[in-house]
Amino acid sequence: MPKLKIEDLQKIKQRVQQTTNLREGKSRAKITVHMGTCGIAAGARDIMDAVMEIIENNNVDDVIITTSGCAGLCSQEPMATVELPGQTPVKYIDLTKAKIAKIFDGHVMNGKIVADFVLGVGSEQTH
């Protein structure tokens, strides 16, 4: 295993801090890109890359990005879920790089749901 560099440690620290921020409610938002087999086949990797690029290019350090498996709606992939503190999750469908950029600007940065791309608002619950 290669030795860790200072840059590697800084990245690890940043990831841990982001997770802590989410748990403590200090993050602006959490974006989950659904990357099951169907999502990947439909272009979810491009969506993930686009979100990471937006975050990096805009020096945004209070947004958590994560992945999940299939959300169960293969025909609607690629999909992402946006969660803002104190608000219900919003699932976006049929994403492209242009759509995720609009969602990031509108919903993540300004708190306004981009209704044109929404499948649903809320989350699944089991009792």
N, C-alpha and C. Protein backbone atom coordinates (compact mmCIF):
# COMPACT_ATOMS: atom_id res chain seq x y z
N MET A 1 0.86 -1.18 0.00
CA MET A 1 0.00 0.00 0.00
C MET A 1 0.90 1.24 0.00
N PRO A 2 0.63 2.20 -0.90
CA PRO A 2 1.46 3.40 -0.96
C PRO A 2 1.26 4.28 0.27
N LYS A 3 2.29 5.07 0.58
CA LYS A 3 2.20 5.98 1.72
C LYS A 3 1.20 7.08 1.42
N LEU A 4 0.49 7.50 2.46
CA LEU A 4 -0.45 8.60 2.33
C LEU A 4 0.30 9.92 2.26
N LYS A 5 -0.19 10.79 1.41
CA LYS A 5 0.38 12.13 1.29
C LYS A 5 -0.50 13.09 2.08
N ILE A 6 0.00 14.28 2.30
CA ILE A 6 -0.76 15.31 3.02
C ILE A 6 -2.09 15.56 2.31
N GLU A 7 -2.07 15.60 0.97
CA GLU A 7 -3.30 15.84 0.21
C GLU A 7 -4.33 14.74 0.46
N ASP A 8 -3.86 13.50 0.57
CA ASP A 8 -4.76 12.38 0.85
C ASP A 8 -5.41 12.54 2.22
N LEU A 9 -4.63 12.91 3.18
CA LEU A 9 -5.16 13.11 4.53
C LEU A 9 -6.15 14.27 4.58
N GLN A 10 -5.88 15.33 3.82
CA GLN A 10 -6.79 16.46 3.78
C GLN A 10 -8.13 16.06 3.16
N LYS A 11 -8.10 15.22 2.13
CA LYS A 11 -9.33 14.74 1.51
C LYS A 11 -10.13 13.87 2.48
N ILE A 12 -9.43 13.01 3.21
CA ILE A 12 -10.10 12.17 4.21
C ILE A 12 -10.73 13.04 5.28
N LYS A 13 -9.99 14.03 5.75
CA LYS A 13 -10.51 14.94 6.76
C LYS A 13 -11.75 15.67 6.26
N GLN A 14 -11.72 16.11 5.01
CA GLN A 14 -12.85 16.82 4.45
C GLN A 14 -14.09 15.92 4.37
N ARG A 15 -13.90 14.66 3.94
CA ARG A 15 -15.02 13.72 3.86
C ARG A 15 -15.63 13.47 5.24
N VAL A 16 -14.78 13.27 6.24
CA VAL A 16 -15.27 13.03 7.59
C VAL A 16 -16.00 14.26 8.12
N GLN A 17 -15.45 15.44 7.85
CA GLN A 17 -16.09 16.68 8.30
C GLN A 17 -17.45 16.86 7.65
N GLN A 18 -17.56 16.53 6.36
CA GLN A 18 -18.84 16.65 5.67
C GLN A 18 -19.87 15.72 6.29
N THR A 19 -19.47 14.49 6.59
CA THR A 19 -20.39 13.55 7.22
C THR A 19 -20.83 14.05 8.59
N THR A 20 -19.89 14.59 9.36
CA THR A 20 -20.20 15.15 10.67
C THR A 20 -21.15 16.34 10.51
N ASN A 21 -20.89 17.19 9.55
CA ASN A 21 -21.75 18.34 9.30
C ASN A 21 -23.18 17.91 8.99
N LEU A 22 -23.33 16.86 8.20
CA LEU A 22 -24.66 16.38 7.87
C LEU A 22 -25.38 15.90 9.12
N ARG A 23 -24.69 15.11 9.94
CA ARG A 23 -25.31 14.61 11.17
C ARG A 23 -25.67 15.73 12.12
N GLU A 24 -24.87 16.77 12.15
CA GLU A 24 -25.11 17.89 13.06
C GLU A 24 -25.98 18.97 12.44
N GLY A 25 -26.42 18.77 11.20
CA GLY A 25 -27.29 19.73 10.54
C GLY A 25 -26.56 20.97 10.04
N LYS A 26 -25.25 20.90 9.86
CA LYS A 26 -24.48 22.05 9.43
C LYS A 26 -24.31 22.13 7.92
N SER A 27 -24.70 21.10 7.20
CA SER A 27 -24.52 21.14 5.75
C SER A 27 -25.73 21.80 5.10
N ARG A 28 -25.49 22.36 3.94
CA ARG A 28 -26.54 23.02 3.16
C ARG A 28 -27.49 21.98 2.58
N ALA A 29 -26.92 20.89 2.08
CA ALA A 29 -27.74 19.88 1.40
C ALA A 29 -26.99 18.58 1.27
N LYS A 30 -27.75 17.54 0.97
CA LYS A 30 -27.19 16.24 0.64
C LYS A 30 -27.79 15.83 -0.69
N ILE A 31 -26.93 15.43 -1.62
CA ILE A 31 -27.37 14.95 -2.92
C ILE A 31 -26.99 13.48 -3.02
N THR A 32 -27.98 12.64 -3.29
CA THR A 32 -27.74 11.22 -3.47
C THR A 32 -27.99 10.89 -4.93
N VAL A 33 -26.96 10.41 -5.61
CA VAL A 33 -27.09 9.97 -6.99
C VAL A 33 -27.33 8.47 -6.95
N HIS A 34 -28.43 8.03 -7.54
CA HIS A 34 -28.80 6.62 -7.52
C HIS A 34 -27.99 5.89 -8.58
N MET A 35 -27.12 4.97 -8.12
CA MET A 35 -26.17 4.33 -9.02
C MET A 35 -26.27 2.81 -8.99
N GLY A 36 -27.49 2.31 -9.08
CA GLY A 36 -27.66 0.88 -9.30
C GLY A 36 -27.23 0.58 -10.73
N THR A 37 -27.28 -0.67 -11.10
CA THR A 37 -26.88 -1.05 -12.45
C THR A 37 -27.67 -0.28 -13.50
N CYS A 38 -28.97 -0.16 -13.29
CA CYS A 38 -29.81 0.56 -14.26
C CYS A 38 -29.44 2.04 -14.31
N GLY A 39 -29.14 2.64 -13.17
CA GLY A 39 -28.75 4.04 -13.13
C GLY A 39 -27.44 4.28 -13.86
N ILE A 40 -26.49 3.41 -13.61
CA ILE A 40 -25.19 3.54 -14.28
C ILE A 40 -25.36 3.39 -15.79
N ALA A 41 -26.16 2.41 -16.20
CA ALA A 41 -26.39 2.20 -17.63
C ALA A 41 -27.07 3.41 -18.27
N ALA A 42 -27.87 4.13 -17.49
CA ALA A 42 -28.60 5.29 -18.01
C ALA A 42 -27.80 6.59 -17.94
N GLY A 43 -26.63 6.55 -17.28
CA GLY A 43 -25.80 7.75 -17.24
C GLY A 43 -25.57 8.37 -15.88
N ALA A 44 -25.79 7.62 -14.82
CA ALA A 44 -25.63 8.16 -13.47
C ALA A 44 -24.19 8.61 -13.18
N ARG A 45 -23.22 7.95 -13.78
CA ARG A 45 -21.82 8.37 -13.56
C ARG A 45 -21.60 9.79 -14.09
N ASP A 46 -22.21 10.10 -15.23
CA ASP A 46 -22.10 11.45 -15.78
C ASP A 46 -22.75 12.47 -14.84
N ILE A 47 -23.85 12.10 -14.22
CA ILE A 47 -24.53 12.99 -13.28
C ILE A 47 -23.64 13.20 -12.05
N MET A 48 -23.07 12.13 -11.53
CA MET A 48 -22.16 12.23 -10.38
C MET A 48 -20.97 13.13 -10.73
N ASP A 49 -20.37 12.90 -11.89
CA ASP A 49 -19.24 13.73 -12.31
C ASP A 49 -19.64 15.19 -12.43
N ALA A 50 -20.83 15.45 -12.98
CA ALA A 50 -21.30 16.83 -13.14
C ALA A 50 -21.48 17.52 -11.79
N VAL A 51 -22.08 16.82 -10.83
CA VAL A 51 -22.28 17.40 -9.50
C VAL A 51 -20.93 17.70 -8.84
N MET A 52 -20.03 16.74 -8.92
CA MET A 52 -18.70 16.94 -8.31
C MET A 52 -17.98 18.12 -8.97
N GLU A 53 -18.12 18.25 -10.26
CA GLU A 53 -17.49 19.37 -10.98
C GLU A 53 -18.10 20.70 -10.56
N ILE A 54 -19.42 20.76 -10.43
CA ILE A 54 -20.10 21.98 -9.99
C ILE A 54 -19.62 22.37 -8.60
N ILE A 55 -19.55 21.40 -7.71
CA ILE A 55 -19.11 21.65 -6.34
C ILE A 55 -17.68 22.19 -6.33
N GLU A 56 -16.82 21.55 -7.09
CA GLU A 56 -15.42 21.97 -7.13
C GLU A 56 -15.26 23.35 -7.78
N ASN A 57 -15.91 23.57 -8.91
CA ASN A 57 -15.77 24.84 -9.63
C ASN A 57 -16.32 26.03 -8.88
N ASN A 58 -17.28 25.77 -7.98
CA ASN A 58 -17.90 26.86 -7.23
C ASN A 58 -17.42 26.93 -5.78
N ASN A 59 -16.40 26.13 -5.45
CA ASN A 59 -15.84 26.10 -4.09
C ASN A 59 -16.92 25.92 -3.03
N VAL A 60 -17.86 25.02 -3.30
CA VAL A 60 -18.93 24.73 -2.36
C VAL A 60 -18.41 23.65 -1.41
N ASP A 61 -18.43 23.94 -0.11
CA ASP A 61 -17.89 22.97 0.84
C ASP A 61 -18.92 22.51 1.87
N ASP A 62 -20.19 22.87 1.65
CA ASP A 62 -21.20 22.47 2.62
C ASP A 62 -22.31 21.62 1.99
N VAL A 63 -21.97 20.93 0.90
CA VAL A 63 -22.90 20.02 0.25
C VAL A 63 -22.31 18.62 0.28
N ILE A 64 -23.08 17.68 0.76
CA ILE A 64 -22.67 16.28 0.81
C ILE A 64 -23.16 15.60 -0.46
N ILE A 65 -22.29 14.85 -1.09
CA ILE A 65 -22.71 14.05 -2.25
C ILE A 65 -22.43 12.59 -1.92
N THR A 66 -23.43 11.76 -2.20
CA THR A 66 -23.31 10.35 -1.89
C THR A 66 -24.00 9.54 -2.98
N THR A 67 -23.89 8.24 -2.88
CA THR A 67 -24.54 7.36 -3.85
C THR A 67 -25.44 6.37 -3.13
N SER A 68 -26.32 5.77 -3.90
CA SER A 68 -27.15 4.68 -3.39
C SER A 68 -27.34 3.69 -4.51
N GLY A 69 -27.98 2.60 -4.21
CA GLY A 69 -28.30 1.62 -5.23
C GLY A 69 -29.54 2.04 -5.98
N CYS A 70 -30.16 1.10 -6.60
CA CYS A 70 -31.35 1.34 -7.41
C CYS A 70 -32.49 1.85 -6.53
N ALA A 71 -33.21 2.83 -7.06
CA ALA A 71 -34.37 3.37 -6.33
C ALA A 71 -35.65 2.67 -6.75
N GLY A 72 -35.56 1.71 -7.68
CA GLY A 72 -36.72 0.91 -8.05
C GLY A 72 -37.52 1.43 -9.24
N LEU A 73 -37.03 2.46 -9.88
CA LEU A 73 -37.74 3.02 -11.04
C LEU A 73 -36.78 3.13 -12.21
N CYS A 74 -36.39 1.98 -12.72
CA CYS A 74 -35.34 1.92 -13.74
C CYS A 74 -35.64 2.78 -14.95
N SER A 75 -36.89 2.88 -15.33
CA SER A 75 -37.26 3.64 -16.53
C SER A 75 -37.10 5.15 -16.33
N GLN A 76 -36.88 5.58 -15.09
CA GLN A 76 -36.75 7.01 -14.80
C GLN A 76 -35.30 7.44 -14.54
N GLU A 77 -34.38 6.52 -14.68
CA GLU A 77 -32.97 6.81 -14.44
C GLU A 77 -32.38 7.67 -15.55
N PRO A 78 -31.33 8.39 -15.27
CA PRO A 78 -30.66 8.56 -13.98
C PRO A 78 -31.47 9.47 -13.04
N MET A 79 -31.34 9.16 -11.75
CA MET A 79 -32.08 9.88 -10.72
C MET A 79 -31.15 10.36 -9.62
N ALA A 80 -31.61 11.41 -8.92
CA ALA A 80 -30.90 11.91 -7.75
C ALA A 80 -31.92 12.40 -6.75
N THR A 81 -31.57 12.33 -5.49
CA THR A 81 -32.42 12.85 -4.42
C THR A 81 -31.69 13.99 -3.75
N VAL A 82 -32.40 15.09 -3.55
CA VAL A 82 -31.84 16.26 -2.87
C VAL A 82 -32.54 16.40 -1.53
N GLU A 83 -31.73 16.53 -0.47
CA GLU A 83 -32.27 16.71 0.88
C GLU A 83 -31.67 17.97 1.47
N LEU A 84 -32.54 18.88 1.90
CA LEU A 84 -32.12 20.09 2.61
C LEU A 84 -32.54 19.93 4.06
N PRO A 85 -31.76 20.44 5.01
CA PRO A 85 -32.10 20.29 6.42
C PRO A 85 -33.51 20.80 6.72
N GLY A 86 -34.28 19.98 7.42
CA GLY A 86 -35.61 20.37 7.84
C GLY A 86 -36.67 20.28 6.75
N GLN A 87 -36.30 19.79 5.56
CA GLN A 87 -37.26 19.67 4.46
C GLN A 87 -37.34 18.22 4.00
N THR A 88 -38.44 17.89 3.35
CA THR A 88 -38.58 16.53 2.85
C THR A 88 -37.71 16.32 1.62
N PRO A 89 -37.22 15.10 1.40
CA PRO A 89 -36.38 14.81 0.24
C PRO A 89 -37.17 14.98 -1.07
N VAL A 90 -36.45 15.35 -2.12
CA VAL A 90 -37.04 15.50 -3.44
C VAL A 90 -36.27 14.61 -4.41
N LYS A 91 -37.01 13.75 -5.13
CA LYS A 91 -36.38 12.83 -6.08
C LYS A 91 -36.57 13.40 -7.49
N TYR A 92 -35.42 13.59 -8.16
CA TYR A 92 -35.40 14.10 -9.53
C TYR A 92 -35.10 12.97 -10.50
N ILE A 93 -35.73 13.02 -11.69
CA ILE A 93 -35.63 11.90 -12.64
C ILE A 93 -35.18 12.36 -14.03
N ASP A 94 -34.83 11.37 -14.85
CA ASP A 94 -34.43 11.58 -16.25
C ASP A 94 -33.38 12.68 -16.36
N LEU A 95 -32.36 12.60 -15.54
CA LEU A 95 -31.39 13.68 -15.43
C LEU A 95 -30.39 13.71 -16.58
N THR A 96 -29.94 14.91 -16.86
CA THR A 96 -28.82 15.17 -17.77
C THR A 96 -27.89 16.12 -17.02
N LYS A 97 -26.73 16.38 -17.58
CA LYS A 97 -25.81 17.32 -16.95
C LYS A 97 -26.45 18.70 -16.84
N ALA A 98 -27.17 19.12 -17.86
CA ALA A 98 -27.82 20.44 -17.83
C ALA A 98 -28.91 20.49 -16.76
N LYS A 99 -29.68 19.41 -16.64
CA LYS A 99 -30.75 19.38 -15.63
C LYS A 99 -30.17 19.42 -14.22
N ILE A 100 -29.12 18.63 -13.96
CA ILE A 100 -28.56 18.61 -12.60
C ILE A 100 -27.94 19.95 -12.26
N ALA A 101 -27.41 20.67 -13.25
CA ALA A 101 -26.88 22.01 -13.00
C ALA A 101 -28.00 22.95 -12.59
N LYS A 102 -29.16 22.86 -13.24
CA LYS A 102 -30.31 23.70 -12.87
C LYS A 102 -30.81 23.34 -11.47
N ILE A 103 -30.84 22.05 -11.18
CA ILE A 103 -31.28 21.58 -9.85
C ILE A 103 -30.31 22.08 -8.78
N PHE A 104 -29.01 21.99 -9.06
CA PHE A 104 -28.02 22.43 -8.09
C PHE A 104 -28.19 23.92 -7.80
N ASP A 105 -28.31 24.70 -8.86
CA ASP A 105 -28.46 26.14 -8.68
C ASP A 105 -29.78 26.50 -8.01
N GLY A 106 -30.87 25.92 -8.50
CA GLY A 106 -32.19 26.27 -7.98
C GLY A 106 -32.50 25.70 -6.62
N HIS A 107 -32.35 24.39 -6.48
CA HIS A 107 -32.77 23.73 -5.24
C HIS A 107 -31.68 23.74 -4.17
N VAL A 108 -30.51 23.25 -4.54
CA VAL A 108 -29.44 23.12 -3.54
C VAL A 108 -28.97 24.49 -3.05
N MET A 109 -28.71 25.40 -3.95
CA MET A 109 -28.14 26.69 -3.57
C MET A 109 -29.19 27.72 -3.15
N ASN A 110 -30.41 27.60 -3.70
CA ASN A 110 -31.42 28.63 -3.43
C ASN A 110 -32.71 28.11 -2.81
N GLY A 111 -32.78 26.79 -2.53
CA GLY A 111 -33.92 26.24 -1.82
C GLY A 111 -35.22 26.16 -2.60
N LYS A 112 -35.15 26.30 -3.93
CA LYS A 112 -36.37 26.27 -4.75
C LYS A 112 -36.41 24.97 -5.56
N ILE A 113 -37.41 24.16 -5.30
CA ILE A 113 -37.57 22.90 -6.01
C ILE A 113 -37.74 23.17 -7.50
N VAL A 114 -37.06 22.40 -8.33
CA VAL A 114 -37.16 22.54 -9.78
C VAL A 114 -38.22 21.55 -10.25
N ALA A 115 -39.46 22.00 -10.26
CA ALA A 115 -40.62 21.13 -10.47
C ALA A 115 -40.60 20.37 -11.79
N ASP A 116 -39.99 20.92 -12.82
CA ASP A 116 -39.98 20.27 -14.13
C ASP A 116 -39.34 18.89 -14.13
N PHE A 117 -38.46 18.62 -13.17
CA PHE A 117 -37.71 17.37 -13.17
C PHE A 117 -38.05 16.47 -11.98
N VAL A 118 -39.08 16.80 -11.22
CA VAL A 118 -39.40 16.09 -9.98
C VAL A 118 -40.28 14.87 -10.24
N LEU A 119 -39.90 13.75 -9.62
CA LEU A 119 -40.76 12.58 -9.59
C LEU A 119 -41.69 12.67 -8.38
N GLY A 120 -41.10 13.01 -7.22
CA GLY A 120 -41.89 13.07 -6.01
C GLY A 120 -41.17 13.78 -4.90
N VAL A 121 -41.95 14.23 -3.93
CA VAL A 121 -41.44 14.89 -2.75
C VAL A 121 -41.82 14.04 -1.55
N GLY A 122 -40.86 13.74 -0.68
CA GLY A 122 -41.11 12.90 0.47
C GLY A 122 -40.22 11.68 0.41
N SER A 123 -40.35 10.81 1.37
CA SER A 123 -39.53 9.61 1.40
C SER A 123 -40.39 8.41 1.74
N GLU A 124 -39.87 7.27 1.38
CA GLU A 124 -40.57 6.03 1.68
C GLU A 124 -40.41 5.73 3.17
N GLN A 125 -41.44 5.24 3.78
CA GLN A 125 -41.36 4.90 5.19
C GLN A 125 -41.94 3.50 5.40
N THR A 126 -41.36 2.77 6.32
CA THR A 126 -41.93 1.50 6.72
C THR A 126 -42.28 1.60 8.19
N HIS A 127 -43.32 0.94 8.56
CA HIS A 127 -43.77 0.99 9.98
C HIS A 127 -43.63 -0.35 10.62
